[in-house]
Structures are given as structure tokens and as C-alpha cells.
Amino acid sequence: RADATGLGLAIVQQIVTSHQGSIDIDSREGRGCTVRIHLPLPGSTPS
């Protein structure tokens, strides 16, 4: 979109990081990308 700011993933990364999570992005030319967001369950210990 011509009117987009490009801040979407940066904001998502801040939110996920603040919840001790992580983001994995797998990009394949001509096929698009897969975005995986990992968030810990409440009360779980980080690995």
C-alpha cells in the first residue's frame, strides 16, 4: 500500500518481546513468507 508506514512488524516485535516471546520469519522469494509468533503460557518458565 502506498499509504502504509511500515511499522507493523516493529510494533509486533515490541509487544512480543515485552511478553518474553519471539518471532520467526521464513521468507521465500516468489512464495511469500511465514511468520510465527511464540508466546509463553502464563506461569510457564522460559526455555
Protein backbone atom coordinates (compact mmCIF):
# COMPACT_ATOMS: atom_id res chain seq x y z
CA ARG A 1 0.00 0.00 0.00
CA ALA A 2 1.25 3.43 -0.85
CA ASP A 3 -0.09 4.93 2.39
CA ALA A 4 1.45 2.33 4.74
CA THR A 5 4.05 3.38 7.32
CA GLY A 6 5.88 0.05 7.51
CA LEU A 7 5.73 -0.02 11.32
CA GLY A 8 3.56 -3.13 11.69
CA LEU A 9 6.22 -5.76 12.40
CA ALA A 10 8.28 -3.35 14.51
CA ILE A 11 5.29 -2.78 16.78
CA VAL A 12 4.51 -6.51 16.89
CA GLN A 13 8.14 -7.22 17.83
CA GLN A 14 7.97 -4.76 20.74
CA ILE A 15 4.76 -6.34 22.05
CA VAL A 16 6.04 -9.91 21.69
CA THR A 17 9.38 -9.06 23.31
CA SER A 18 7.64 -7.37 26.24
CA HIS A 19 5.86 -10.70 26.86
CA GLN A 20 9.15 -12.69 26.67
CA GLY A 21 8.16 -14.17 23.31
CA SER A 22 9.87 -14.48 19.95
CA ILE A 23 9.13 -14.08 16.25
CA ASP A 24 10.39 -16.33 13.45
CA ILE A 25 10.08 -15.19 9.83
CA ASP A 26 10.72 -17.52 6.89
CA SER A 27 10.73 -15.66 3.57
CA ARG A 28 10.86 -17.43 0.22
CA GLU A 29 11.20 -15.47 -2.98
CA GLY A 30 8.12 -15.82 -5.14
CA ARG A 31 6.27 -17.76 -2.44
CA GLY A 32 5.72 -15.16 0.30
CA CYS A 33 6.62 -15.56 3.92
CA THR A 34 5.55 -17.38 7.05
CA VAL A 35 5.54 -15.52 10.36
CA ARG A 36 5.45 -17.50 13.62
CA ILE A 37 4.87 -15.76 16.92
CA HIS A 38 5.81 -17.70 20.05
CA LEU A 39 4.44 -16.56 23.42
CA PRO A 40 4.97 -18.37 26.72
CA LEU A 41 1.96 -19.73 28.56
CA PRO A 42 1.10 -17.90 31.78
CA GLY A 43 3.05 -19.45 34.65
CA SER A 44 5.49 -21.31 32.41
CA THR A 45 9.25 -20.96 32.69
CA PRO A 46 11.26 -19.80 29.66
CA SER A 47 13.42 -22.44 27.98
